[in-house]
Structure formats: structure tokens, C-alpha cells
Amino acid sequence: MLSAGGEEPIVTLGTFRGYSDLGEETALVIEMESELPERRGRLRLIPAPQVLAVEVLEMKDQEKGSEPLYCL
């Protein structure tokens, strides 16, 4: 996912977990993938208007019995 930040775009790799309200905006919730253990599994909320592009690398089926993630 590519989003606008400052001068350089921010690239986020991870698993899409859903949507969340962020103030008056809607945000995409991404569970981040990282080689750094302290960053792995963190949730990043990206305001939808800031998203420039989304590239789907792999589609995964939802695990049976798993509940969707909701952030409020």
C-alpha cells in the first residue's frame, strides 16, 4: 500500500484487517509485516483519502471460526 505522507510516500506491507473511524475520516486497518520483531503485528491506520495505491500480492481465505477485527 502506498500512501501520501510528507515528501516521500509511505509504503506499508501487511494484511488488511478492516476499516475504522479516525476522527471524521475512514481509515484502512493494516496489520503490518516487518522483519523487526517489535514492529511485527502492529496495526497501522491509514486515512482512506491518503491512499495513493493498493497492490494485492496474495489473497487469503478467512479462517473458519475467526471473528473480523473491528477498531473503534
C-alpha atoms as a PDB file:
ATOM      1  CA  MET A   1       0.000   0.000   0.000  1.00  0.00           C
ATOM      2  CA  LEU A   2       1.316   3.422  -0.921  1.00  0.00           C
ATOM      3  CA  SER A   3       0.106   6.482   0.971  1.00  0.00           C
ATOM      4  CA  ALA A   4       0.991  10.147   0.904  1.00  0.00           C
ATOM      5  CA  GLY A   5       2.941  11.399   3.875  1.00  0.00           C
ATOM      6  CA  GLY A   6       5.464  14.194   3.725  1.00  0.00           C
ATOM      7  CA  GLU A   7       7.923  14.438   0.868  1.00  0.00           C
ATOM      8  CA  GLU A   8       8.294  10.678   0.465  1.00  0.00           C
ATOM      9  CA  PRO A   9       5.384   8.241   0.141  1.00  0.00           C
ATOM     10  CA  ILE A  10       4.962   5.698   2.951  1.00  0.00           C
ATOM     11  CA  VAL A  11       4.940   2.052   1.864  1.00  0.00           C
ATOM     12  CA  THR A  12       3.122  -0.412   4.142  1.00  0.00           C
ATOM     13  CA  LEU A  13       3.263  -4.196   3.765  1.00  0.00           C
ATOM     14  CA  GLY A  14       0.754  -6.200   5.718  1.00  0.00           C
ATOM     15  CA  THR A  15      -2.637  -7.822   5.961  1.00  0.00           C
ATOM     16  CA  PHE A  16      -5.803  -5.780   5.515  1.00  0.00           C
ATOM     17  CA  ARG A  17      -7.891  -6.202   8.668  1.00  0.00           C
ATOM     18  CA  GLY A  18     -10.807  -3.873   8.008  1.00  0.00           C
ATOM     19  CA  TYR A  19     -11.896  -0.272   8.348  1.00  0.00           C
ATOM     20  CA  SER A  20     -12.004   2.075  11.312  1.00  0.00           C
ATOM     21  CA  ASP A  21     -13.226   5.560  12.114  1.00  0.00           C
ATOM     22  CA  LEU A  22     -10.381   8.020  12.548  1.00  0.00           C
ATOM     23  CA  GLY A  23     -11.885  11.321  13.582  1.00  0.00           C
ATOM     24  CA  GLU A  24     -14.282  12.208  10.786  1.00  0.00           C
ATOM     25  CA  GLU A  25     -12.390  10.058   8.268  1.00  0.00           C
ATOM     26  CA  THR A  26     -12.478   6.372   7.434  1.00  0.00           C
ATOM     27  CA  ALA A  27      -9.154   4.573   7.799  1.00  0.00           C
ATOM     28  CA  LEU A  28      -7.849   1.268   6.472  1.00  0.00           C
ATOM     29  CA  VAL A  29      -6.509  -1.019   9.217  1.00  0.00           C
ATOM     30  CA  ILE A  30      -3.372  -2.902   8.182  1.00  0.00           C
ATOM     31  CA  GLU A  31      -1.613  -5.493  10.369  1.00  0.00           C
ATOM     32  CA  MET A  32       1.994  -4.750   9.487  1.00  0.00           C
ATOM     33  CA  GLU A  33       4.583  -7.255   8.346  1.00  0.00           C
ATOM     34  CA  SER A  34       8.139  -6.419   9.325  1.00  0.00           C
ATOM     35  CA  GLU A  35      11.495  -8.049   9.790  1.00  0.00           C
ATOM     36  CA  LEU A  36      11.827  -6.138  13.061  1.00  0.00           C
ATOM     37  CA  PRO A  37      10.125  -8.141  15.851  1.00  0.00           C
ATOM     38  CA  GLU A  38       8.963  -5.012  17.683  1.00  0.00           C
ATOM     39  CA  ARG A  39       7.024  -3.836  14.599  1.00  0.00           C
ATOM     40  CA  ARG A  40       5.551  -7.181  13.525  1.00  0.00           C
ATOM     41  CA  GLY A  41       1.823  -7.394  14.180  1.00  0.00           C
ATOM     42  CA  ARG A  42       1.325  -3.682  14.845  1.00  0.00           C
ATOM     43  CA  LEU A  43      -1.810  -2.125  13.429  1.00  0.00           C
ATOM     44  CA  ARG A  44      -1.411   0.875  11.150  1.00  0.00           C
ATOM     45  CA  LEU A  45      -4.445   3.081  10.495  1.00  0.00           C
ATOM     46  CA  ILE A  46      -4.184   4.887   7.178  1.00  0.00           C
ATOM     47  CA  PRO A  47      -6.774   7.580   6.390  1.00  0.00           C
ATOM     48  CA  ALA A  48      -8.550   6.492   3.194  1.00  0.00           C
ATOM     49  CA  PRO A  49      -8.068   9.866   1.399  1.00  0.00           C
ATOM     50  CA  GLN A  50      -4.291   9.475   1.855  1.00  0.00           C
ATOM     51  CA  VAL A  51      -4.085   6.147  -0.001  1.00  0.00           C
ATOM     52  CA  LEU A  52      -2.492   6.546  -3.429  1.00  0.00           C
ATOM     53  CA  ALA A  53      -2.391   2.881  -4.500  1.00  0.00           C
ATOM     54  CA  VAL A  54      -3.092  -0.628  -3.227  1.00  0.00           C
ATOM     55  CA  GLU A  55      -1.340  -3.646  -4.695  1.00  0.00           C
ATOM     56  CA  VAL A  56      -2.808  -7.016  -3.699  1.00  0.00           C
ATOM     57  CA  LEU A  57       0.051  -9.518  -3.561  1.00  0.00           C
ATOM     58  CA  GLU A  58      -1.867 -12.526  -2.268  1.00  0.00           C
ATOM     59  CA  MET A  59      -5.493 -13.296  -1.432  1.00  0.00           C
ATOM     60  CA  LYS A  60      -6.161 -15.315   1.716  1.00  0.00           C
ATOM     61  CA  ASP A  61      -9.370 -17.033   2.747  1.00  0.00           C
ATOM     62  CA  GLN A  62     -10.805 -16.013   6.097  1.00  0.00           C
ATOM     63  CA  GLU A  63     -10.033 -18.626   8.723  1.00  0.00           C
ATOM     64  CA  LYS A  64     -13.058 -20.623   9.797  1.00  0.00           C
ATOM     65  CA  GLY A  65     -14.354 -19.525  13.175  1.00  0.00           C
ATOM     66  CA  SER A  66     -12.276 -16.343  13.222  1.00  0.00           C
ATOM     67  CA  GLU A  67     -14.008 -13.117  14.077  1.00  0.00           C
ATOM     68  CA  PRO A  68     -13.465  -9.989  11.980  1.00  0.00           C
ATOM     69  CA  LEU A  69     -11.391  -7.226  13.575  1.00  0.00           C
ATOM     70  CA  TYR A  70     -13.206  -4.023  14.454  1.00  0.00           C
ATOM     71  CA  CYS A  71     -11.404  -0.924  15.687  1.00  0.00           C
ATOM     72  CA  LEU A  72     -13.390   1.855  17.330  1.00  0.00           C
END
